[in-house]
Amino acid sequence: MKISLIRLKKMENEQSKEEFNKYYWAFVYLISTYPKSYLSKKGKIIFKMVIEGGKCRSIAQIARYLGIDKPTASRICKEIQGKGDLSLNVEGNRKSVGFSDDSIKEGLKIAYGIIK
């Protein structure tokens, strides 16, 4: 029983490392494509999503993390989404924010040294 639990935990850790790697490189891609001013609140929002596994549960969570009000956090997320880098999904009364597939794909190109 212990062996199977240890193997299961190891598999979970490997899977979470793979997921973290994917979102980390999406973060690197997004940060590298924007000017230095992007590294302020927008960069912190994206970094928060990396920590959360590529997705944040709500705009309120982002606002608390940055120490700003919810409308400002919502506006910043919409600005990022407007460039096509993030997906902003409505699930009931919550908005979830996550990386777009394109930004993940471009980030992984950086990770593996694929240049256009």
PDB file of N, CA and C in Angstrom:
ATOM      1  N   MET A   1       0.826  -1.204   0.000  1.00  0.00           N
ATOM      2  CA  MET A   1       0.000   0.000   0.000  1.00  0.00           C
ATOM      3  C   MET A   1       0.864   1.260   0.000  1.00  0.00           C
ATOM      4  N   LYS A   2       1.935   1.275   0.804  1.00  0.00           N
ATOM      5  CA  LYS A   2       2.799   2.445   0.866  1.00  0.00           C
ATOM      6  C   LYS A   2       3.480   2.703  -0.469  1.00  0.00           C
ATOM      7  N   ILE A   3       3.892   1.635  -1.130  1.00  0.00           N
ATOM      8  CA  ILE A   3       4.586   1.795  -2.403  1.00  0.00           C
ATOM      9  C   ILE A   3       3.674   2.465  -3.424  1.00  0.00           C
ATOM     10  N   SER A   4       2.439   2.033  -3.500  1.00  0.00           N
ATOM     11  CA  SER A   4       1.526   2.628  -4.477  1.00  0.00           C
ATOM     12  C   SER A   4       1.222   4.088  -4.138  1.00  0.00           C
ATOM     13  N   LEU A   5       1.127   4.423  -2.859  1.00  0.00           N
ATOM     14  CA  LEU A   5       0.901   5.812  -2.473  1.00  0.00           C
ATOM     15  C   LEU A   5       2.111   6.675  -2.809  1.00  0.00           C
ATOM     16  N   ILE A   6       3.298   6.133  -2.602  1.00  0.00           N
ATOM     17  CA  ILE A   6       4.519   6.869  -2.932  1.00  0.00           C
ATOM     18  C   ILE A   6       4.605   7.092  -4.439  1.00  0.00           C
ATOM     19  N   ARG A   7       4.309   6.062  -5.217  1.00  0.00           N
ATOM     20  CA  ARG A   7       4.329   6.206  -6.678  1.00  0.00           C
ATOM     21  C   ARG A   7       3.298   7.229  -7.146  1.00  0.00           C
ATOM     22  N   LEU A   8       2.120   7.179  -6.539  1.00  0.00           N
ATOM     23  CA  LEU A   8       1.068   8.121  -6.901  1.00  0.00           C
ATOM     24  C   LEU A   8       1.510   9.556  -6.611  1.00  0.00           C
ATOM     25  N   LYS A   9       2.108   9.766  -5.449  1.00  0.00           N
ATOM     26  CA  LYS A   9       2.585  11.099  -5.077  1.00  0.00           C
ATOM     27  C   LYS A   9       3.676  11.565  -6.037  1.00  0.00           C
ATOM     28  N   LYS A  10       4.564  10.645  -6.426  1.00  0.00           N
ATOM     29  CA  LYS A  10       5.636  10.981  -7.358  1.00  0.00           C
ATOM     30  C   LYS A  10       5.053  11.383  -8.712  1.00  0.00           C
ATOM     31  N   MET A  11       4.028  10.656  -9.160  1.00  0.00           N
ATOM     32  CA  MET A  11       3.380  10.983 -10.427  1.00  0.00           C
ATOM     33  C   MET A  11       2.721  12.360 -10.357  1.00  0.00           C
ATOM     34  N   GLU A  12       2.085  12.665  -9.228  1.00  0.00           N
ATOM     35  CA  GLU A  12       1.456  13.974  -9.049  1.00  0.00           C
ATOM     36  C   GLU A  12       2.500  15.080  -9.108  1.00  0.00           C
ATOM     37  N   ASN A  13       3.639  14.867  -8.441  1.00  0.00           N
ATOM     38  CA  ASN A  13       4.701  15.867  -8.438  1.00  0.00           C
ATOM     39  C   ASN A  13       5.255  16.093  -9.841  1.00  0.00           C
ATOM     40  N   GLU A  14       5.464  15.011 -10.596  1.00  0.00           N
ATOM     41  CA  GLU A  14       5.977  15.139 -11.957  1.00  0.00           C
ATOM     42  C   GLU A  14       4.980  15.871 -12.842  1.00  0.00           C
ATOM     43  N   GLN A  15       3.702  15.562 -12.671  1.00  0.00           N
ATOM     44  CA  GLN A  15       2.674  16.220 -13.469  1.00  0.00           C
ATOM     45  C   GLN A  15       2.594  17.703 -13.122  1.00  0.00           C
ATOM     46  N   SER A  16       2.669  18.033 -11.839  1.00  0.00           N
ATOM     47  CA  SER A  16       2.592  19.438 -11.457  1.00  0.00           C
ATOM     48  C   SER A  16       3.833  20.199 -11.926  1.00  0.00           C
ATOM     49  N   LYS A  17       5.000  19.549 -11.962  1.00  0.00           N
ATOM     50  CA  LYS A  17       6.203  20.188 -12.495  1.00  0.00           C
ATOM     51  C   LYS A  17       6.026  20.497 -13.972  1.00  0.00           C
ATOM     52  N   GLU A  18       5.440  19.560 -14.692  1.00  0.00           N
ATOM     53  CA  GLU A  18       5.209  19.753 -16.122  1.00  0.00           C
ATOM     54  C   GLU A  18       4.240  20.908 -16.359  1.00  0.00           C
ATOM     55  N   GLU A  19       3.172  20.967 -15.570  1.00  0.00           N
ATOM     56  CA  GLU A  19       2.202  22.054 -15.690  1.00  0.00           C
ATOM     57  C   GLU A  19       2.851  23.388 -15.344  1.00  0.00           C
ATOM     58  N   PHE A  20       3.631  23.413 -14.248  1.00  0.00           N
ATOM     59  CA  PHE A  20       4.302  24.646 -13.843  1.00  0.00           C
ATOM     60  C   PHE A  20       5.249  25.105 -14.943  1.00  0.00           C
ATOM     61  N   ASN A  21       5.997  24.174 -15.529  1.00  0.00           N
ATOM     62  CA  ASN A  21       6.939  24.499 -16.593  1.00  0.00           C
ATOM     63  C   ASN A  21       6.217  25.147 -17.772  1.00  0.00           C
ATOM     64  N   LYS A  22       5.084  24.585 -18.135  1.00  0.00           N
ATOM     65  CA  LYS A  22       4.304  25.104 -19.260  1.00  0.00           C
ATOM     66  C   LYS A  22       3.868  26.546 -18.993  1.00  0.00           C
ATOM     67  N   TYR A  23       3.343  26.811 -17.810  1.00  0.00           N
ATOM     68  CA  TYR A  23       2.862  28.149 -17.495  1.00  0.00           C
ATOM     69  C   TYR A  23       4.009  29.119 -17.245  1.00  0.00           C
ATOM     70  N   TYR A  24       5.113  28.622 -16.720  1.00  0.00           N
ATOM     71  CA  TYR A  24       6.281  29.478 -16.507  1.00  0.00           C
ATOM     72  C   TYR A  24       6.786  30.026 -17.840  1.00  0.00           C
ATOM     73  N   TRP A  25       6.876  29.163 -18.840  1.00  0.00           N
ATOM     74  CA  TRP A  25       7.381  29.615 -20.139  1.00  0.00           C
ATOM     75  C   TRP A  25       6.377  30.527 -20.837  1.00  0.00           C
ATOM     76  N   ALA A  26       5.103  30.349 -20.597  1.00  0.00           N
ATOM     77  CA  ALA A  26       4.109  31.297 -21.114  1.00  0.00           C
ATOM     78  C   ALA A  26       4.333  32.665 -20.471  1.00  0.00           C
ATOM     79  N   PHE A  27       4.645  32.663 -19.186  1.00  0.00           N
ATOM     80  CA  PHE A  27       4.962  33.891 -18.462  1.00  0.00           C
ATOM     81  C   PHE A  27       6.195  34.563 -19.066  1.00  0.00           C
ATOM     82  N   VAL A  28       7.247  33.781 -19.319  1.00  0.00           N
ATOM     83  CA  VAL A  28       8.474  34.323 -19.912  1.00  0.00           C
ATOM     84  C   VAL A  28       8.174  34.941 -21.280  1.00  0.00           C
ATOM     85  N   TYR A  29       7.375  34.244 -22.066  1.00  0.00           N
ATOM     86  CA  TYR A  29       7.012  34.766 -23.391  1.00  0.00           C
ATOM     87  C   TYR A  29       6.269  36.094 -23.269  1.00  0.00           C
ATOM     88  N   LEU A  30       5.278  36.153 -22.401  1.00  0.00           N
ATOM     89  CA  LEU A  30       4.481  37.375 -22.272  1.00  0.00           C
ATOM     90  C   LEU A  30       5.321  38.537 -21.770  1.00  0.00           C
ATOM     91  N   ILE A  31       6.182  38.271 -20.800  1.00  0.00           N
ATOM     92  CA  ILE A  31       7.024  39.329 -20.261  1.00  0.00           C
ATOM     93  C   ILE A  31       8.021  39.814 -21.315  1.00  0.00           C
ATOM     94  N   SER A  32       8.528  38.894 -22.143  1.00  0.00           N
ATOM     95  CA  SER A  32       9.518  39.287 -23.155  1.00  0.00           C
ATOM     96  C   SER A  32       8.905  40.069 -24.311  1.00  0.00           C
ATOM     97  N   THR A  33       7.607  39.986 -24.496  1.00  0.00           N
ATOM     98  CA  THR A  33       6.973  40.670 -25.625  1.00  0.00           C
ATOM     99  C   THR A  33       6.429  42.051 -25.278  1.00  0.00           C
ATOM    100  N   TYR A  34       6.493  42.437 -24.025  1.00  0.00           N
ATOM    101  CA  TYR A  34       5.950  43.724 -23.616  1.00  0.00           C
ATOM    102  C   TYR A  34       7.043  44.628 -23.072  1.00  0.00           C
ATOM    103  N   PRO A  35       6.798  45.943 -23.081  1.00  0.00           N
ATOM    104  CA  PRO A  35       7.793  46.871 -22.549  1.00  0.00           C
ATOM    105  C   PRO A  35       7.953  46.724 -21.036  1.00  0.00           C
ATOM    106  N   LYS A  36       8.982  47.372 -20.508  1.00  0.00           N
ATOM    107  CA  LYS A  36       9.306  47.265 -19.077  1.00  0.00           C
ATOM    108  C   LYS A  36       8.147  47.691 -18.182  1.00  0.00           C
ATOM    109  N   SER A  37       7.344  48.645 -18.616  1.00  0.00           N
ATOM    110  CA  SER A  37       6.218  49.104 -17.798  1.00  0.00           C
ATOM    111  C   SER A  37       5.212  47.981 -17.549  1.00  0.00           C
ATOM    112  N   TYR A  38       5.238  46.969 -18.403  1.00  0.00           N
ATOM    113  CA  TYR A  38       4.333  45.825 -18.267  1.00  0.00           C
ATOM    114  C   TYR A  38       4.632  45.015 -17.016  1.00  0.00           C
ATOM    115  N   LEU A  39       5.837  45.132 -16.510  1.00  0.00           N
ATOM    116  CA  LEU A  39       6.243  44.314 -15.370  1.00  0.00           C
ATOM    117  C   LEU A  39       5.612  44.756 -14.059  1.00  0.00           C
ATOM    118  N   SER A  40       4.838  45.816 -14.069  1.00  0.00           N
ATOM    119  CA  SER A  40       4.226  46.262 -12.825  1.00  0.00           C
ATOM    120  C   SER A  40       3.026  45.394 -12.477  1.00  0.00           C
ATOM    121  N   LYS A  41       1.833  45.919 -12.577  1.00  0.00           N
ATOM    122  CA  LYS A  41       0.641  45.182 -12.151  1.00  0.00           C
ATOM    123  C   LYS A  41       0.289  44.046 -13.097  1.00  0.00           C
ATOM    124  N   LYS A  42       0.429  44.258 -14.401  1.00  0.00           N
ATOM    125  CA  LYS A  42       0.096  43.202 -15.357  1.00  0.00           C
ATOM    126  C   LYS A  42       1.018  42.003 -15.184  1.00  0.00           C
ATOM    127  N   GLY A  43       2.296  42.278 -15.013  1.00  0.00           N
ATOM    128  CA  GLY A  43       3.251  41.194 -14.795  1.00  0.00           C
ATOM    129  C   GLY A  43       2.971  40.434 -13.509  1.00  0.00           C
ATOM    130  N   LYS A  44       2.559  41.154 -12.470  1.00  0.00           N
ATOM    131  CA  LYS A  44       2.230  40.500 -11.200  1.00  0.00           C
ATOM    132  C   LYS A  44       0.997  39.615 -11.332  1.00  0.00           C
ATOM    133  N   ILE A  45       0.021  40.063 -12.125  1.00  0.00           N
ATOM    134  CA  ILE A  45      -1.175  39.243 -12.349  1.00  0.00           C
ATOM    135  C   ILE A  45      -0.795  37.950 -13.048  1.00  0.00           C
ATOM    136  N   ILE A  46       0.025  38.058 -14.084  1.00  0.00           N
ATOM    137  CA  ILE A  46       0.440  36.861 -14.818  1.00  0.00           C
ATOM    138  C   ILE A  46       1.256  35.950 -13.921  1.00  0.00           C
ATOM    139  N   PHE A  47       2.148  36.528 -13.107  1.00  0.00           N
ATOM    140  CA  PHE A  47       2.947  35.717 -12.193  1.00  0.00           C
ATOM    141  C   PHE A  47       2.060  35.003 -11.181  1.00  0.00           C
ATOM    142  N   LYS A  48       1.020  35.672 -10.707  1.00  0.00           N
ATOM    143  CA  LYS A  48       0.069  35.051  -9.774  1.00  0.00           C
ATOM    144  C   LYS A  48      -0.576  33.833 -10.418  1.00  0.00           C
ATOM    145  N   MET A  49      -0.881  33.924 -11.713  1.00  0.00           N
ATOM    146  CA  MET A  49      -1.484  32.783 -12.399  1.00  0.00           C
ATOM    147  C   MET A  49      -0.504  31.626 -12.527  1.00  0.00           C
ATOM    148  N   VAL A  50       0.778  31.930 -12.695  1.00  0.00           N
ATOM    149  CA  VAL A  50       1.788  30.865 -12.736  1.00  0.00           C
ATOM    150  C   VAL A  50       1.794  30.125 -11.410  1.00  0.00           C
ATOM    151  N   ILE A  51       1.769  30.881 -10.321  1.00  0.00           N
ATOM    152  CA  ILE A  51       1.769  30.276  -8.986  1.00  0.00           C
ATOM    153  C   ILE A  51       0.520  29.430  -8.771  1.00  0.00           C
ATOM    154  N   GLU A  52      -0.615  29.892  -9.276  1.00  0.00           N
ATOM    155  CA  GLU A  52      -1.888  29.197  -9.087  1.00  0.00           C
ATOM    156  C   GLU A  52      -2.104  28.050 -10.065  1.00  0.00           C
ATOM    157  N   GLY A  53      -1.129  27.740 -10.884  1.00  0.00           N
ATOM    158  CA  GLY A  53      -1.266  26.639 -11.826  1.00  0.00           C
ATOM    159  C   GLY A  53      -1.875  27.056 -13.149  1.00  0.00           C
ATOM    160  N   GLY A  54      -1.607  28.285 -13.557  1.00  0.00           N
ATOM    161  CA  GLY A  54      -2.063  28.736 -14.859  1.00  0.00           C
ATOM    162  C   GLY A  54      -3.420  29.386 -14.895  1.00  0.00           C
ATOM    163  N   LYS A  55      -4.080  29.457 -13.745  1.00  0.00           N
ATOM    164  CA  LYS A  55      -5.436  29.994 -13.734  1.00  0.00           C
ATOM    165  C   LYS A  55      -5.750  30.567 -12.357  1.00  0.00           C
ATOM    166  N   CYS A  56      -6.411  31.706 -12.312  1.00  0.00           N
ATOM    167  CA  CYS A  56      -6.882  32.271 -11.045  1.00  0.00           C
ATOM    168  C   CYS A  56      -8.381  32.082 -10.961  1.00  0.00           C
ATOM    169  N   ARG A  57      -8.855  31.869  -9.754  1.00  0.00           N
ATOM    170  CA  ARG A  57     -10.276  31.595  -9.582  1.00  0.00           C
ATOM    171  C   ARG A  57     -11.146  32.822  -9.805  1.00  0.00           C
ATOM    172  N   SER A  58     -10.684  33.981  -9.395  1.00  0.00           N
ATOM    173  CA  SER A  58     -11.551  35.155  -9.519  1.00  0.00           C
ATOM    174  C   SER A  58     -10.740  36.439  -9.612  1.00  0.00           C
ATOM    175  N   ILE A  59     -11.399  37.469 -10.094  1.00  0.00           N
ATOM    176  CA  ILE A  59     -10.790  38.795 -10.164  1.00  0.00           C
ATOM    177  C   ILE A  59     -10.532  39.316  -8.751  1.00  0.00           C
ATOM    178  N   ALA A  60     -11.431  38.995  -7.818  1.00  0.00           N
ATOM    179  CA  ALA A  60     -11.263  39.435  -6.431  1.00  0.00           C
ATOM    180  C   ALA A  60      -9.973  38.882  -5.834  1.00  0.00           C
ATOM    181  N   GLN A  61      -9.632  37.646  -6.184  1.00  0.00           N
ATOM    182  CA  GLN A  61      -8.394  37.039  -5.698  1.00  0.00           C
ATOM    183  C   GLN A  61      -7.179  37.817  -6.220  1.00  0.00           C
ATOM    184  N   ILE A  62      -7.229  38.215  -7.479  1.00  0.00           N
ATOM    185  CA  ILE A  62      -6.145  39.004  -8.064  1.00  0.00           C
ATOM    186  C   ILE A  62      -6.056  40.363  -7.374  1.00  0.00           C
ATOM    187  N   ALA A  63      -7.207  40.985  -7.134  1.00  0.00           N
ATOM    188  CA  ALA A  63      -7.233  42.296  -6.478  1.00  0.00           C
ATOM    189  C   ALA A  63      -6.620  42.219  -5.082  1.00  0.00           C
ATOM    190  N   ARG A  64      -6.957  41.176  -4.336  1.00  0.00           N
ATOM    191  CA  ARG A  64      -6.376  41.006  -3.000  1.00  0.00           C
ATOM    192  C   ARG A  64      -4.866  40.806  -3.085  1.00  0.00           C
ATOM    193  N   TYR A  65      -4.423  40.041  -4.056  1.00  0.00           N
ATOM    194  CA  TYR A  65      -2.998  39.764  -4.227  1.00  0.00           C
ATOM    195  C   TYR A  65      -2.215  41.046  -4.517  1.00  0.00           C
ATOM    196  N   LEU A  66      -2.780  41.920  -5.354  1.00  0.00           N
ATOM    197  CA  LEU A  66      -2.103  43.158  -5.719  1.00  0.00           C
ATOM    198  C   LEU A  66      -2.354  44.294  -4.734  1.00  0.00           C
ATOM    199  N   GLY A  67      -3.365  44.131  -3.881  1.00  0.00           N
ATOM    200  CA  GLY A  67      -3.706  45.187  -2.940  1.00  0.00           C
ATOM    201  C   GLY A  67      -4.410  46.361  -3.609  1.00  0.00           C
ATOM    202  N   ILE A  68      -5.212  46.064  -4.628  1.00  0.00           N
ATOM    203  CA  ILE A  68      -5.965  47.107  -5.328  1.00  0.00           C
ATOM    204  C   ILE A  68      -7.446  46.753  -5.289  1.00  0.00           C
ATOM    205  N   ASP A  69      -8.279  47.689  -5.763  1.00  0.00           N
ATOM    206  CA  ASP A  69      -9.714  47.401  -5.763  1.00  0.00           C
ATOM    207  C   ASP A  69     -10.083  46.502  -6.949  1.00  0.00           C
ATOM    208  N   LYS A  70     -11.235  45.862  -6.833  1.00  0.00           N
ATOM    209  CA  LYS A  70     -11.673  44.872  -7.820  1.00  0.00           C
ATOM    210  C   LYS A  70     -11.903  45.471  -9.217  1.00  0.00           C
ATOM    211  N   PRO A  71     -12.527  46.657  -9.342  1.00  0.00           N
ATOM    212  CA  PRO A  71     -12.709  47.217 -10.693  1.00  0.00           C
ATOM    213  C   PRO A  71     -11.383  47.478 -11.426  1.00  0.00           C
ATOM    214  N   THR A  72     -10.372  47.913 -10.685  1.00  0.00           N
ATOM    215  CA  THR A  72      -9.066  48.146 -11.302  1.00  0.00           C
ATOM    216  C   THR A  72      -8.452  46.838 -11.768  1.00  0.00           C
ATOM    217  N   ALA A  73      -8.537  45.805 -10.947  1.00  0.00           N
ATOM    218  CA  ALA A  73      -8.011  44.490 -11.331  1.00  0.00           C
ATOM    219  C   ALA A  73      -8.754  43.949 -12.546  1.00  0.00           C
ATOM    220  N   SER A  74     -10.058  44.154 -12.587  1.00  0.00           N
ATOM    221  CA  SER A  74     -10.858  43.702 -13.723  1.00  0.00           C
ATOM    222  C   SER A  74     -10.446  44.436 -14.998  1.00  0.00           C
ATOM    223  N   ARG A  75     -10.216  45.736 -14.894  1.00  0.00           N
ATOM    224  CA  ARG A  75      -9.795  46.528 -16.052  1.00  0.00           C
ATOM    225  C   ARG A  75      -8.435  46.056 -16.567  1.00  0.00           C
ATOM    226  N   ILE A  76      -7.507  45.793 -15.662  1.00  0.00           N
ATOM    227  CA  ILE A  76      -6.176  45.324 -16.055  1.00  0.00           C
ATOM    228  C   ILE A  76      -6.274  43.970 -16.753  1.00  0.00           C
ATOM    229  N   CYS A  77      -7.090  43.076 -16.222  1.00  0.00           N
ATOM    230  CA  CYS A  77      -7.263  41.755 -16.846  1.00  0.00           C
ATOM    231  C   CYS A  77      -7.878  41.879 -18.232  1.00  0.00           C
ATOM    232  N   LYS A  78      -8.826  42.804 -18.391  1.00  0.00           N
ATOM    233  CA  LYS A  78      -9.436  43.005 -19.711  1.00  0.00           C
ATOM    234  C   LYS A  78      -8.431  43.577 -20.704  1.00  0.00           C
ATOM    235  N   GLU A  79      -7.518  44.440 -20.225  1.00  0.00           N
ATOM    236  CA  GLU A  79      -6.467  44.972 -21.095  1.00  0.00           C
ATOM    237  C   GLU A  79      -5.556  43.848 -21.578  1.00  0.00           C
ATOM    238  N   ILE A  80      -5.180  42.976 -20.669  1.00  0.00           N
ATOM    239  CA  ILE A  80      -4.316  41.850 -21.037  1.00  0.00           C
ATOM    240  C   ILE A  80      -5.059  40.932 -21.994  1.00  0.00           C
ATOM    241  N   GLN A  81      -6.330  40.687 -21.705  1.00  0.00           N
ATOM    242  CA  GLN A  81      -7.137  39.809 -22.551  1.00  0.00           C
ATOM    243  C   GLN A  81      -7.316  40.410 -23.935  1.00  0.00           C
ATOM    244  N   GLY A  82      -7.411  41.728 -24.011  1.00  0.00           N
ATOM    245  CA  GLY A  82      -7.605  42.402 -25.284  1.00  0.00           C
ATOM    246  C   GLY A  82      -6.486  42.142 -26.278  1.00  0.00           C
ATOM    247  N   LYS A  83      -5.311  41.858 -25.784  1.00  0.00           N
ATOM    248  CA  LYS A  83      -4.182  41.557 -26.662  1.00  0.00           C
ATOM    249  C   LYS A  83      -4.143  40.085 -27.030  1.00  0.00           C
ATOM    250  N   GLY A  84      -5.087  39.300 -26.517  1.00  0.00           N
ATOM    251  CA  GLY A  84      -5.176  37.889 -26.880  1.00  0.00           C
ATOM    252  C   GLY A  84      -4.259  36.975 -26.096  1.00  0.00           C
ATOM    253  N   ASP A  85      -3.672  37.478 -25.005  1.00  0.00           N
ATOM    254  CA  ASP A  85      -2.717  36.675 -24.253  1.00  0.00           C
ATOM    255  C   ASP A  85      -3.352  35.852 -23.146  1.00  0.00           C
ATOM    256  N   LEU A  86      -4.480  36.315 -22.658  1.00  0.00           N
ATOM    257  CA  LEU A  86      -5.150  35.610 -21.576  1.00  0.00           C
ATOM    258  C   LEU A  86      -6.570  35.275 -21.989  1.00  0.00           C
ATOM    259  N   SER A  87      -7.106  34.258 -21.343  1.00  0.00           N
ATOM    260  CA  SER A  87      -8.521  33.959 -21.542  1.00  0.00           C
ATOM    261  C   SER A  87      -9.254  34.355 -20.268  1.00  0.00           C
ATOM    262  N   LEU A  88     -10.381  35.002 -20.424  1.00  0.00           N
ATOM    263  CA  LEU A  88     -11.187  35.439 -19.292  1.00  0.00           C
ATOM    264  C   LEU A  88     -12.529  34.746 -19.424  1.00  0.00           C
ATOM    265  N   ASN A  89     -12.767  33.733 -18.604  1.00  0.00           N
ATOM    266  CA  ASN A  89     -13.976  32.917 -18.703  1.00  0.00           C
ATOM    267  C   ASN A  89     -14.909  33.207 -17.543  1.00  0.00           C
ATOM    268  N   VAL A  90     -16.202  33.201 -17.815  1.00  0.00           N
ATOM    269  CA  VAL A  90     -17.197  33.405 -16.773  1.00  0.00           C
ATOM    270  C   VAL A  90     -17.760  32.044 -16.393  1.00  0.00           C
ATOM    271  N   GLU A  91     -17.636  31.710 -15.117  1.00  0.00           N
ATOM    272  CA  GLU A  91     -18.160  30.447 -14.591  1.00  0.00           C
ATOM    273  C   GLU A  91     -19.124  30.794 -13.466  1.00  0.00           C
ATOM    274  N   GLY A  92     -20.405  30.866 -13.784  1.00  0.00           N
ATOM    275  CA  GLY A  92     -21.378  31.283 -12.776  1.00  0.00           C
ATOM    276  C   GLY A  92     -21.202  32.763 -12.501  1.00  0.00           C
ATOM    277  N   ASN A  93     -20.967  33.119 -11.251  1.00  0.00           N
ATOM    278  CA  ASN A  93     -20.735  34.518 -10.921  1.00  0.00           C
ATOM    279  C   ASN A  93     -19.248  34.826 -10.772  1.00  0.00           C
ATOM    280  N   ARG A  94     -18.397  33.888 -11.125  1.00  0.00           N
ATOM    281  CA  ARG A  94     -16.954  34.082 -11.037  1.00  0.00           C
ATOM    282  C   ARG A  94     -16.341  34.198 -12.421  1.00  0.00           C
ATOM    283  N   LYS A  95     -15.300  34.993 -12.489  1.00  0.00           N
ATOM    284  CA  LYS A  95     -14.502  35.055 -13.707  1.00  0.00           C
ATOM    285  C   LYS A  95     -13.202  34.321 -13.419  1.00  0.00           C
ATOM    286  N   SER A  96     -12.851  33.407 -14.279  1.00  0.00           N
ATOM    287  CA  SER A  96     -11.557  32.765 -14.118  1.00  0.00           C
ATOM    288  C   SER A  96     -10.638  33.270 -15.215  1.00  0.00           C
ATOM    289  N   VAL A  97      -9.403  33.482 -14.853  1.00  0.00           N
ATOM    290  CA  VAL A  97      -8.422  34.037 -15.764  1.00  0.00           C
ATOM    291  C   VAL A  97      -7.351  32.991 -15.996  1.00  0.00           C
ATOM    292  N   GLY A  98      -7.022  32.742 -17.245  1.00  0.00           N
ATOM    293  CA  GLY A  98      -5.992  31.756 -17.541  1.00  0.00           C
ATOM    294  C   GLY A  98      -5.206  32.143 -18.779  1.00  0.00           C
ATOM    295  N   PHE A  99      -4.119  31.448 -19.028  1.00  0.00           N
ATOM    296  CA  PHE A  99      -3.298  31.708 -20.208  1.00  0.00           C
ATOM    297  C   PHE A  99      -3.997  31.199 -21.456  1.00  0.00           C
ATOM    298  N   SER A 100      -3.831  31.915 -22.552  1.00  0.00           N
ATOM    299  CA  SER A 100      -4.352  31.438 -23.828  1.00  0.00           C
ATOM    300  C   SER A 100      -3.429  30.344 -24.356  1.00  0.00           C
ATOM    301  N   ASP A 101      -3.958  29.510 -25.219  1.00  0.00           N
ATOM    302  CA  ASP A 101      -3.155  28.429 -25.792  1.00  0.00           C
ATOM    303  C   ASP A 101      -1.999  28.969 -26.623  1.00  0.00           C
ATOM    304  N   ASP A 102      -2.215  30.093 -27.295  1.00  0.00           N
ATOM    305  CA  ASP A 102      -1.154  30.675 -28.123  1.00  0.00           C
ATOM    306  C   ASP A 102       0.039  31.117 -27.287  1.00  0.00           C
ATOM    307  N   SER A 103      -0.222  31.750 -26.132  1.00  0.00           N
ATOM    308  CA  SER A 103       0.895  32.205 -25.305  1.00  0.00           C
ATOM    309  C   SER A 103       1.649  31.023 -24.709  1.00  0.00           C
ATOM    310  N   ILE A 104       0.946  29.941 -24.380  1.00  0.00           N
ATOM    311  CA  ILE A 104       1.622  28.740 -23.881  1.00  0.00           C
ATOM    312  C   ILE A 104       2.483  28.138 -24.987  1.00  0.00           C
ATOM    313  N   LYS A 105       1.928  28.066 -26.192  1.00  0.00           N
ATOM    314  CA  LYS A 105       2.662  27.496 -27.328  1.00  0.00           C
ATOM    315  C   LYS A 105       3.918  28.315 -27.637  1.00  0.00           C
ATOM    316  N   GLU A 106       3.782  29.637 -27.658  1.00  0.00           N
ATOM    317  CA  GLU A 106       4.930  30.503 -27.941  1.00  0.00           C
ATOM    318  C   GLU A 106       5.971  30.411 -26.825  1.00  0.00           C
ATOM    319  N   GLY A 107       5.511  30.301 -25.578  1.00  0.00           N
ATOM    320  CA  GLY A 107       6.431  30.152 -24.456  1.00  0.00           C
ATOM    321  C   GLY A 107       7.228  28.866 -24.534  1.00  0.00           C
ATOM    322  N   LEU A 108       6.571  27.790 -24.930  1.00  0.00           N
ATOM    323  CA  LEU A 108       7.275  26.511 -25.058  1.00  0.00           C
ATOM    324  C   LEU A 108       8.265  26.535 -26.220  1.00  0.00           C
ATOM    325  N   LYS A 109       8.008  27.351 -27.227  1.00  0.00           N
ATOM    326  CA  LYS A 109       8.989  27.511 -28.305  1.00  0.00           C
ATOM    327  C   LYS A 109      10.270  28.124 -27.764  1.00  0.00           C
ATOM    328  N   ILE A 110      10.134  29.076 -26.848  1.00  0.00           N
ATOM    329  CA  ILE A 110      11.308  29.673 -26.209  1.00  0.00           C
ATOM    330  C   ILE A 110      12.045  28.611 -25.401  1.00  0.00           C
ATOM    331  N   ALA A 111      11.289  27.819 -24.658  1.00  0.00           N
ATOM    332  CA  ALA A 111      11.895  26.800 -23.793  1.00  0.00           C
ATOM    333  C   ALA A 111      12.699  25.786 -24.589  1.00  0.00           C
ATOM    334  N   TYR A 112      12.199  25.401 -25.738  1.00  0.00           N
ATOM    335  CA  TYR A 112      12.868  24.368 -26.524  1.00  0.00           C
ATOM    336  C   TYR A 112      13.728  24.939 -27.643  1.00  0.00           C
ATOM    337  N   GLY A 113      13.900  26.265 -27.668  1.00  0.00           N
ATOM    338  CA  GLY A 113      14.792  26.895 -28.626  1.00  0.00           C
ATOM    339  C   GLY A 113      14.294  26.907 -30.052  1.00  0.00           C
ATOM    340  N   ILE A 114      12.991  26.879 -30.244  1.00  0.00           N
ATOM    341  CA  ILE A 114      12.426  26.921 -31.594  1.00  0.00           C
ATOM    342  C   ILE A 114      12.258  28.389 -31.981  1.00  0.00           C
ATOM    343  N   ILE A 115      12.907  28.788 -33.050  1.00  0.00           N
ATOM    344  CA  ILE A 115      12.839  30.176 -33.496  1.00  0.00           C
ATOM    345  C   ILE A 115      12.182  30.220 -34.862  1.00  0.00           C
ATOM    346  N   LYS A 116      11.282  31.187 -35.042  1.00  0.00           N
ATOM    347  CA  LYS A 116      10.585  31.318 -36.334  1.00  0.00           C
ATOM    348  C   LYS A 116      11.526  31.830 -37.393  1.00  0.00           C
TER     349      LYS A 116
END
